[in-house]
Amino acid sequence: MIKTILRQLIVLPVIMGVMAMLYACGTANGRAGATANKPFNTTYVLQQGASAVITPAAAQGIAGGATAPTIKLERVNDSRCRVGAVCVWAGYISYSFTLTKADGTTSNFVLSDSMPNGKTSVTQDGLTFALAGVEPQAVPAKNEPAPDYRVSLRVSNTPPSDPTPRPS
């Protein structure tokens, strides 16, 4: 009888403690999930070689955790036919980016609105990256140096709306 009472005095507080911890973990996860669903949409203007810190993603724990991920415009590839030149094809312009997640891992992607099979947006690690514009838009003249492009990149935690109709 004494053993039974001692067991109950030990087991009951342990069970209560475990249940309290499980409740606390469930409440914390519920709050984190609600925060992660808060939409954001921020536009960054980047020059070649420049980076931007995606702070709304860090606040919501997207792309690897509490440290903010960064996006870098690695390269602008402009193979468009220059004004005044004779070309066999029209060419295209594309933008190469590197996403560095909070844990230090990186991923690369290319965006273009004129490259064959190119994409104007891509989703990686819970973030959607979409081209929002480029300056200058005009193709440079044949003898001009390559311009210092400024690429506007819209970053959000929601997928972009796709205006292209899908075949039924």
N, C-alpha and C. Protein backbone atom coordinates (compact mmCIF):
# COMPACT_ATOMS: atom_id res chain seq x y z
N MET A 1 0.81 -1.19 0.00
CA MET A 1 0.00 0.00 0.00
C MET A 1 0.86 1.26 0.00
N ILE A 2 1.90 1.24 0.82
CA ILE A 2 2.79 2.40 0.87
C ILE A 2 3.50 2.57 -0.47
N LYS A 3 3.88 1.45 -1.11
CA LYS A 3 4.52 1.52 -2.42
C LYS A 3 3.58 2.14 -3.44
N THR A 4 2.33 1.80 -3.41
CA THR A 4 1.36 2.34 -4.35
C THR A 4 1.19 3.84 -4.15
N ILE A 5 1.12 4.25 -2.94
CA ILE A 5 0.97 5.68 -2.63
C ILE A 5 2.23 6.43 -3.07
N LEU A 6 3.42 5.88 -2.80
CA LEU A 6 4.67 6.52 -3.21
C LEU A 6 4.75 6.62 -4.74
N ARG A 7 4.35 5.56 -5.42
CA ARG A 7 4.35 5.58 -6.88
C ARG A 7 3.43 6.68 -7.40
N GLN A 8 2.27 6.80 -6.83
CA GLN A 8 1.33 7.82 -7.27
C GLN A 8 1.87 9.22 -6.98
N LEU A 9 2.55 9.40 -5.89
CA LEU A 9 3.13 10.70 -5.56
C LEU A 9 4.27 11.07 -6.50
N ILE A 10 4.94 10.09 -7.07
CA ILE A 10 6.04 10.36 -8.00
C ILE A 10 5.53 10.45 -9.43
N VAL A 11 4.72 9.50 -9.85
CA VAL A 11 4.26 9.42 -11.24
C VAL A 11 3.33 10.58 -11.59
N LEU A 12 2.42 10.91 -10.70
CA LEU A 12 1.45 11.96 -10.99
C LEU A 12 2.12 13.31 -11.29
N PRO A 13 3.08 13.79 -10.49
CA PRO A 13 3.74 15.06 -10.82
C PRO A 13 4.53 14.98 -12.13
N VAL A 14 5.14 13.82 -12.42
CA VAL A 14 5.90 13.67 -13.68
C VAL A 14 4.95 13.77 -14.86
N ILE A 15 3.81 13.10 -14.79
CA ILE A 15 2.83 13.16 -15.88
C ILE A 15 2.33 14.59 -16.06
N MET A 16 2.04 15.26 -14.96
CA MET A 16 1.57 16.64 -15.03
C MET A 16 2.62 17.55 -15.67
N GLY A 17 3.89 17.35 -15.31
CA GLY A 17 4.97 18.16 -15.89
C GLY A 17 5.11 17.94 -17.39
N VAL A 18 5.02 16.68 -17.81
CA VAL A 18 5.11 16.37 -19.24
C VAL A 18 3.94 16.99 -19.99
N MET A 19 2.76 16.91 -19.43
CA MET A 19 1.60 17.49 -20.09
C MET A 19 1.72 19.01 -20.19
N ALA A 20 2.23 19.64 -19.16
CA ALA A 20 2.42 21.09 -19.19
C ALA A 20 3.43 21.48 -20.28
N MET A 21 4.50 20.70 -20.42
CA MET A 21 5.50 21.00 -21.47
C MET A 21 4.89 20.81 -22.86
N LEU A 22 4.12 19.76 -23.05
CA LEU A 22 3.49 19.53 -24.35
C LEU A 22 2.52 20.66 -24.68
N TYR A 23 1.78 21.12 -23.70
CA TYR A 23 0.85 22.23 -23.92
C TYR A 23 1.62 23.49 -24.32
N ALA A 24 2.72 23.77 -23.62
CA ALA A 24 3.52 24.96 -23.92
C ALA A 24 4.10 24.87 -25.32
N CYS A 25 4.59 23.72 -25.73
CA CYS A 25 5.15 23.55 -27.08
C CYS A 25 4.07 23.74 -28.13
N GLY A 26 2.90 23.20 -27.90
CA GLY A 26 1.81 23.35 -28.84
C GLY A 26 1.38 24.80 -28.99
N THR A 27 1.35 25.54 -27.90
CA THR A 27 0.99 26.95 -27.94
C THR A 27 2.04 27.74 -28.69
N ALA A 28 3.32 27.48 -28.45
CA ALA A 28 4.39 28.20 -29.15
C ALA A 28 4.35 27.91 -30.65
N ASN A 29 4.13 26.65 -31.04
CA ASN A 29 4.04 26.31 -32.46
C ASN A 29 2.84 26.97 -33.11
N GLY A 30 1.74 27.07 -32.40
CA GLY A 30 0.56 27.73 -32.94
C GLY A 30 0.82 29.20 -33.23
N ARG A 31 1.53 29.87 -32.35
CA ARG A 31 1.87 31.28 -32.57
C ARG A 31 2.82 31.43 -33.74
N ALA A 32 3.82 30.57 -33.84
CA ALA A 32 4.79 30.65 -34.94
C ALA A 32 4.09 30.43 -36.26
N GLY A 33 3.16 29.49 -36.31
CA GLY A 33 2.44 29.22 -37.55
C GLY A 33 1.60 30.42 -37.98
N ALA A 34 1.00 31.10 -37.01
CA ALA A 34 0.18 32.26 -37.35
C ALA A 34 1.05 33.39 -37.88
N THR A 35 2.24 33.58 -37.31
CA THR A 35 3.15 34.63 -37.78
C THR A 35 3.65 34.32 -39.18
N ALA A 36 3.97 33.04 -39.44
CA ALA A 36 4.53 32.66 -40.73
C ALA A 36 3.53 32.88 -41.86
N ASN A 37 2.24 32.90 -41.55
CA ASN A 37 1.24 33.08 -42.59
C ASN A 37 0.99 34.54 -42.92
N LYS A 38 1.58 35.47 -42.20
CA LYS A 38 1.37 36.88 -42.47
C LYS A 38 2.08 37.23 -43.78
N PRO A 39 1.33 37.65 -44.79
CA PRO A 39 1.96 37.91 -46.09
C PRO A 39 2.81 39.18 -46.08
N PHE A 40 3.89 39.13 -46.86
CA PHE A 40 4.69 40.33 -47.10
C PHE A 40 5.07 40.38 -48.57
N ASN A 41 5.35 41.57 -49.05
CA ASN A 41 5.70 41.80 -50.44
C ASN A 41 6.61 43.02 -50.47
N THR A 42 7.90 42.82 -50.68
CA THR A 42 8.88 43.89 -50.64
C THR A 42 9.67 43.91 -51.94
N THR A 43 9.93 45.11 -52.46
CA THR A 43 10.71 45.24 -53.69
C THR A 43 12.09 45.78 -53.35
N TYR A 44 13.11 45.11 -53.88
CA TYR A 44 14.51 45.50 -53.71
C TYR A 44 15.05 45.91 -55.07
N VAL A 45 15.87 46.97 -55.11
CA VAL A 45 16.53 47.39 -56.33
C VAL A 45 18.01 47.06 -56.17
N LEU A 46 18.51 46.21 -57.06
CA LEU A 46 19.88 45.72 -56.96
C LEU A 46 20.67 46.05 -58.22
N GLN A 47 21.93 46.40 -58.01
CA GLN A 47 22.88 46.54 -59.12
C GLN A 47 23.73 45.28 -59.13
N GLN A 48 24.40 45.02 -60.23
CA GLN A 48 25.22 43.82 -60.34
C GLN A 48 26.22 43.76 -59.20
N GLY A 49 26.26 42.64 -58.48
CA GLY A 49 27.16 42.45 -57.35
C GLY A 49 26.59 42.88 -56.01
N ALA A 50 25.43 43.54 -56.02
CA ALA A 50 24.84 44.05 -54.77
C ALA A 50 23.94 43.00 -54.13
N SER A 51 23.81 43.10 -52.80
CA SER A 51 22.98 42.18 -52.02
C SER A 51 21.94 42.95 -51.23
N ALA A 52 20.89 42.25 -50.84
CA ALA A 52 19.86 42.83 -49.98
C ALA A 52 19.47 41.79 -48.93
N VAL A 53 19.23 42.26 -47.72
CA VAL A 53 18.79 41.40 -46.62
C VAL A 53 17.27 41.36 -46.64
N ILE A 54 16.71 40.16 -46.63
CA ILE A 54 15.26 39.99 -46.70
C ILE A 54 14.74 39.89 -45.27
N THR A 55 14.60 41.03 -44.62
CA THR A 55 14.25 41.07 -43.21
C THR A 55 12.85 40.54 -42.88
N PRO A 56 11.81 40.74 -43.72
CA PRO A 56 10.51 40.17 -43.35
C PRO A 56 10.55 38.64 -43.25
N ALA A 57 11.40 38.01 -44.04
CA ALA A 57 11.52 36.54 -44.00
C ALA A 57 12.12 36.09 -42.68
N ALA A 58 13.08 36.84 -42.16
CA ALA A 58 13.71 36.47 -40.89
C ALA A 58 12.71 36.58 -39.76
N ALA A 59 11.88 37.63 -39.78
CA ALA A 59 10.89 37.83 -38.73
C ALA A 59 9.89 36.68 -38.67
N GLN A 60 9.69 36.01 -39.82
CA GLN A 60 8.72 34.93 -39.87
C GLN A 60 9.38 33.56 -39.91
N GLY A 61 10.70 33.50 -39.83
CA GLY A 61 11.39 32.22 -39.80
C GLY A 61 11.40 31.50 -41.14
N ILE A 62 11.30 32.23 -42.25
CA ILE A 62 11.31 31.63 -43.58
C ILE A 62 12.75 31.52 -44.08
N ALA A 63 13.02 30.53 -44.90
CA ALA A 63 14.33 30.32 -45.54
C ALA A 63 15.42 30.08 -44.51
N GLY A 64 15.14 29.29 -43.52
CA GLY A 64 16.20 28.81 -42.66
C GLY A 64 16.22 29.28 -41.23
N GLY A 65 15.40 30.20 -40.81
CA GLY A 65 15.40 30.53 -39.40
C GLY A 65 15.28 32.00 -39.10
N ALA A 66 15.76 32.37 -37.90
CA ALA A 66 15.59 33.73 -37.41
C ALA A 66 16.57 34.72 -38.02
N THR A 67 17.67 34.25 -38.59
CA THR A 67 18.61 35.15 -39.27
C THR A 67 18.08 35.42 -40.66
N ALA A 68 18.22 36.66 -41.11
CA ALA A 68 17.65 37.04 -42.40
C ALA A 68 18.42 36.44 -43.57
N PRO A 69 17.70 35.87 -44.54
CA PRO A 69 18.36 35.43 -45.76
C PRO A 69 18.74 36.65 -46.60
N THR A 70 19.67 36.46 -47.53
CA THR A 70 20.07 37.55 -48.42
C THR A 70 19.92 37.12 -49.87
N ILE A 71 19.68 38.10 -50.72
CA ILE A 71 19.61 37.88 -52.16
C ILE A 71 20.66 38.76 -52.82
N LYS A 72 21.38 38.19 -53.79
CA LYS A 72 22.45 38.92 -54.46
C LYS A 72 22.26 38.80 -55.97
N LEU A 73 22.36 39.94 -56.66
CA LEU A 73 22.36 39.95 -58.12
C LEU A 73 23.79 39.68 -58.57
N GLU A 74 24.04 38.45 -58.98
CA GLU A 74 25.39 38.04 -59.36
C GLU A 74 25.81 38.62 -60.71
N ARG A 75 24.89 38.54 -61.68
CA ARG A 75 25.30 38.89 -63.04
C ARG A 75 24.10 39.29 -63.87
N VAL A 76 24.31 40.25 -64.76
CA VAL A 76 23.34 40.61 -65.77
C VAL A 76 23.94 40.17 -67.10
N ASN A 77 23.24 39.30 -67.80
CA ASN A 77 23.70 38.80 -69.09
C ASN A 77 22.84 39.45 -70.18
N ASP A 78 23.41 40.43 -70.89
CA ASP A 78 22.67 41.14 -71.93
C ASP A 78 23.27 40.78 -73.28
N SER A 79 22.61 39.86 -73.97
CA SER A 79 23.08 39.46 -75.30
C SER A 79 22.18 40.03 -76.39
N ARG A 80 21.39 41.04 -76.06
CA ARG A 80 20.50 41.64 -77.05
C ARG A 80 21.31 42.35 -78.13
N CYS A 81 20.74 42.38 -79.32
CA CYS A 81 21.40 43.04 -80.45
C CYS A 81 21.48 44.53 -80.17
N ARG A 82 22.69 45.06 -80.20
CA ARG A 82 22.91 46.48 -79.90
C ARG A 82 22.35 47.36 -81.02
N VAL A 83 21.90 48.56 -80.64
CA VAL A 83 21.39 49.52 -81.61
C VAL A 83 22.53 49.87 -82.58
N GLY A 84 22.25 49.76 -83.87
CA GLY A 84 23.24 50.07 -84.90
C GLY A 84 24.07 48.86 -85.34
N ALA A 85 23.87 47.72 -84.70
CA ALA A 85 24.61 46.51 -85.07
C ALA A 85 23.74 45.64 -85.97
N VAL A 86 24.39 44.79 -86.76
CA VAL A 86 23.68 43.81 -87.58
C VAL A 86 23.81 42.47 -86.87
N CYS A 87 22.68 41.85 -86.53
CA CYS A 87 22.69 40.63 -85.73
C CYS A 87 21.90 39.53 -86.41
N VAL A 88 22.28 38.31 -86.12
CA VAL A 88 21.58 37.14 -86.64
C VAL A 88 20.33 36.85 -85.81
N TRP A 89 20.34 37.19 -84.52
CA TRP A 89 19.20 36.97 -83.64
C TRP A 89 19.05 38.15 -82.70
N ALA A 90 17.87 38.27 -82.11
CA ALA A 90 17.56 39.43 -81.28
C ALA A 90 18.29 39.40 -79.94
N GLY A 91 18.59 38.21 -79.43
CA GLY A 91 19.24 38.09 -78.13
C GLY A 91 18.25 38.25 -76.99
N TYR A 92 18.75 38.25 -75.77
CA TYR A 92 17.90 38.38 -74.60
C TYR A 92 18.72 38.96 -73.45
N ILE A 93 18.02 39.31 -72.39
CA ILE A 93 18.66 39.76 -71.17
C ILE A 93 18.18 38.88 -70.03
N SER A 94 19.11 38.44 -69.19
CA SER A 94 18.74 37.60 -68.04
C SER A 94 19.53 38.06 -66.82
N TYR A 95 19.04 37.65 -65.65
CA TYR A 95 19.59 38.09 -64.38
C TYR A 95 19.85 36.87 -63.51
N SER A 96 21.08 36.70 -63.06
CA SER A 96 21.46 35.56 -62.22
C SER A 96 21.52 36.00 -60.76
N PHE A 97 20.82 35.28 -59.89
CA PHE A 97 20.74 35.61 -58.47
C PHE A 97 21.25 34.46 -57.61
N THR A 98 21.72 34.80 -56.42
CA THR A 98 22.09 33.82 -55.40
C THR A 98 21.30 34.13 -54.14
N LEU A 99 20.61 33.12 -53.62
CA LEU A 99 19.89 33.24 -52.35
C LEU A 99 20.74 32.55 -51.29
N THR A 100 21.13 33.29 -50.25
CA THR A 100 21.87 32.72 -49.13
C THR A 100 20.91 32.63 -47.95
N LYS A 101 20.63 31.40 -47.54
CA LYS A 101 19.69 31.17 -46.45
C LYS A 101 20.35 31.46 -45.10
N ALA A 102 19.54 31.47 -44.07
CA ALA A 102 20.02 31.78 -42.72
C ALA A 102 21.10 30.81 -42.25
N ASP A 103 21.03 29.56 -42.71
CA ASP A 103 22.03 28.57 -42.29
C ASP A 103 23.30 28.63 -43.13
N GLY A 104 23.38 29.57 -44.08
CA GLY A 104 24.59 29.74 -44.89
C GLY A 104 24.58 29.00 -46.21
N THR A 105 23.61 28.12 -46.42
CA THR A 105 23.54 27.41 -47.70
C THR A 105 23.03 28.36 -48.78
N THR A 106 23.44 28.10 -50.02
CA THR A 106 23.05 28.97 -51.12
C THR A 106 22.33 28.19 -52.21
N SER A 107 21.54 28.91 -52.97
CA SER A 107 20.91 28.36 -54.17
C SER A 107 20.91 29.47 -55.22
N ASN A 108 20.98 29.07 -56.47
CA ASN A 108 21.04 30.02 -57.58
C ASN A 108 19.83 29.88 -58.47
N PHE A 109 19.44 30.99 -59.09
CA PHE A 109 18.36 30.95 -60.08
C PHE A 109 18.54 32.10 -61.05
N VAL A 110 17.92 31.95 -62.23
CA VAL A 110 17.99 32.95 -63.29
C VAL A 110 16.57 33.39 -63.62
N LEU A 111 16.38 34.71 -63.76
CA LEU A 111 15.11 35.26 -64.16
C LEU A 111 15.28 36.03 -65.46
N SER A 112 14.26 35.98 -66.31
CA SER A 112 14.29 36.72 -67.57
C SER A 112 12.89 36.82 -68.12
N ASP A 113 12.59 37.97 -68.74
CA ASP A 113 11.29 38.10 -69.40
C ASP A 113 11.44 37.98 -70.91
N SER A 114 12.68 37.73 -71.39
CA SER A 114 12.87 37.63 -72.83
C SER A 114 13.66 36.39 -73.26
N MET A 115 14.23 35.66 -72.33
CA MET A 115 15.02 34.48 -72.65
C MET A 115 14.10 33.31 -73.00
N PRO A 116 14.45 32.53 -74.03
CA PRO A 116 13.63 31.35 -74.33
C PRO A 116 13.53 30.44 -73.11
N ASN A 117 12.33 30.02 -72.79
CA ASN A 117 12.04 29.18 -71.63
C ASN A 117 12.41 29.86 -70.31
N GLY A 118 12.61 31.16 -70.33
CA GLY A 118 12.94 31.90 -69.11
C GLY A 118 11.72 32.13 -68.25
N LYS A 119 11.94 32.36 -66.98
CA LYS A 119 10.86 32.61 -66.03
C LYS A 119 11.00 34.01 -65.46
N THR A 120 9.87 34.66 -65.24
CA THR A 120 9.89 35.98 -64.61
C THR A 120 9.78 35.89 -63.10
N SER A 121 9.47 34.68 -62.60
CA SER A 121 9.42 34.49 -61.15
C SER A 121 9.79 33.05 -60.81
N VAL A 122 10.25 32.88 -59.59
CA VAL A 122 10.62 31.56 -59.09
C VAL A 122 10.36 31.54 -57.59
N THR A 123 9.99 30.36 -57.06
CA THR A 123 9.77 30.21 -55.63
C THR A 123 10.82 29.26 -55.07
N GLN A 124 11.52 29.72 -54.04
CA GLN A 124 12.53 28.90 -53.37
C GLN A 124 12.44 29.12 -51.86
N ASP A 125 12.44 28.03 -51.12
CA ASP A 125 12.47 28.07 -49.66
C ASP A 125 11.40 28.96 -49.07
N GLY A 126 10.20 28.90 -49.63
CA GLY A 126 9.08 29.67 -49.08
C GLY A 126 9.03 31.11 -49.51
N LEU A 127 9.94 31.54 -50.38
CA LEU A 127 9.97 32.91 -50.86
C LEU A 127 9.77 32.92 -52.38
N THR A 128 9.00 33.89 -52.87
CA THR A 128 8.81 34.05 -54.31
C THR A 128 9.56 35.28 -54.76
N PHE A 129 10.37 35.12 -55.79
CA PHE A 129 11.17 36.20 -56.36
C PHE A 129 10.63 36.47 -57.76
N ALA A 130 10.25 37.73 -58.05
CA ALA A 130 9.66 38.08 -59.33
C ALA A 130 10.30 39.36 -59.86
N LEU A 131 10.59 39.38 -61.16
CA LEU A 131 11.11 40.59 -61.78
C LEU A 131 10.04 41.67 -61.73
N ALA A 132 10.42 42.86 -61.30
CA ALA A 132 9.48 43.96 -61.25
C ALA A 132 9.88 45.08 -62.21
N GLY A 133 11.08 45.00 -62.78
CA GLY A 133 11.53 46.01 -63.73
C GLY A 133 13.04 46.07 -63.80
N VAL A 134 13.53 46.78 -64.80
CA VAL A 134 14.97 46.99 -64.98
C VAL A 134 15.19 48.36 -65.58
N GLU A 135 16.26 48.99 -65.16
CA GLU A 135 16.65 50.29 -65.72
C GLU A 135 18.12 50.21 -66.10
N PRO A 136 18.53 50.71 -67.20
CA PRO A 136 17.69 51.19 -68.30
C PRO A 136 17.11 50.03 -69.08
N GLN A 137 15.95 50.25 -69.68
CA GLN A 137 15.31 49.21 -70.47
C GLN A 137 15.81 49.20 -71.91
N ALA A 138 16.26 50.36 -72.38
CA ALA A 138 16.69 50.47 -73.78
C ALA A 138 17.97 49.69 -74.01
N VAL A 139 18.06 49.13 -75.20
CA VAL A 139 19.27 48.41 -75.60
C VAL A 139 20.34 49.46 -75.90
N PRO A 140 21.56 49.29 -75.38
CA PRO A 140 22.60 50.28 -75.65
C PRO A 140 23.05 50.27 -77.11
N ALA A 141 23.66 51.36 -77.53
CA ALA A 141 24.18 51.47 -78.90
C ALA A 141 25.40 50.56 -79.06
N LYS A 142 25.75 50.32 -80.30
CA LYS A 142 26.81 49.37 -80.65
C LYS A 142 28.14 49.68 -79.95
N ASN A 143 28.54 50.90 -79.86
CA ASN A 143 29.86 51.25 -79.31
C ASN A 143 29.81 51.72 -77.86
N GLU A 144 28.65 51.70 -77.24
CA GLU A 144 28.53 52.13 -75.85
C GLU A 144 28.94 51.00 -74.90
N PRO A 145 29.50 51.36 -73.74
CA PRO A 145 29.77 50.32 -72.73
C PRO A 145 28.45 49.80 -72.16
N ALA A 146 28.51 48.62 -71.58
CA ALA A 146 27.31 48.06 -70.95
C ALA A 146 26.85 48.99 -69.83
N PRO A 147 25.55 49.25 -69.77
CA PRO A 147 25.06 50.14 -68.70
C PRO A 147 25.13 49.48 -67.33
N ASP A 148 25.02 50.31 -66.31
CA ASP A 148 24.97 49.82 -64.93
C ASP A 148 23.50 49.54 -64.61
N TYR A 149 23.08 48.30 -64.87
CA TYR A 149 21.68 47.93 -64.71
C TYR A 149 21.26 47.98 -63.25
N ARG A 150 20.00 48.38 -63.04
CA ARG A 150 19.35 48.35 -61.74
C ARG A 150 18.11 47.48 -61.90
N VAL A 151 18.12 46.35 -61.22
CA VAL A 151 17.04 45.37 -61.36
C VAL A 151 16.13 45.46 -60.13
N SER A 152 14.84 45.64 -60.37
CA SER A 152 13.85 45.65 -59.29
C SER A 152 13.34 44.22 -59.14
N LEU A 153 13.48 43.69 -57.92
CA LEU A 153 13.09 42.32 -57.63
C LEU A 153 12.07 42.33 -56.50
N ARG A 154 10.87 41.80 -56.77
CA ARG A 154 9.82 41.74 -55.76
C ARG A 154 9.94 40.40 -55.02
N VAL A 155 10.05 40.48 -53.70
CA VAL A 155 10.20 39.29 -52.86
C VAL A 155 8.98 39.20 -51.97
N SER A 156 8.34 38.02 -51.95
CA SER A 156 7.16 37.83 -51.12
C SER A 156 7.13 36.40 -50.60
N ASN A 157 6.24 36.17 -49.67
CA ASN A 157 6.06 34.82 -49.15
C ASN A 157 4.79 34.19 -49.70
N THR A 158 4.26 34.75 -50.76
CA THR A 158 3.09 34.19 -51.43
C THR A 158 3.44 33.93 -52.89
N PRO A 159 2.92 32.87 -53.47
CA PRO A 159 3.21 32.61 -54.87
C PRO A 159 2.60 33.69 -55.76
N PRO A 160 3.25 33.99 -56.89
CA PRO A 160 2.72 35.03 -57.78
C PRO A 160 1.44 34.56 -58.46
N SER A 161 0.59 35.50 -58.80
CA SER A 161 -0.59 35.13 -59.57
C SER A 161 -0.12 34.91 -61.01
N ASP A 162 -0.61 33.87 -61.62
CA ASP A 162 -0.19 33.51 -62.97
C ASP A 162 -1.24 33.98 -63.96
N PRO A 163 -0.93 35.04 -64.73
CA PRO A 163 -1.94 35.57 -65.65
C PRO A 163 -2.09 34.74 -66.92
N THR A 164 -1.19 33.80 -67.17
CA THR A 164 -1.27 33.01 -68.40
C THR A 164 -2.35 31.96 -68.28
N PRO A 165 -3.23 31.86 -69.26
CA PRO A 165 -4.29 30.85 -69.19
C PRO A 165 -3.71 29.45 -69.35
N ARG A 166 -4.27 28.51 -68.67
CA ARG A 166 -3.85 27.11 -68.74
C ARG A 166 -4.75 26.37 -69.72
N PRO A 167 -4.18 25.47 -70.54
CA PRO A 167 -5.03 24.68 -71.43
C PRO A 167 -5.93 23.76 -70.62
N SER A 168 -7.17 23.57 -71.10
CA SER A 168 -8.07 22.70 -70.37
C SER A 168 -8.08 21.31 -70.89
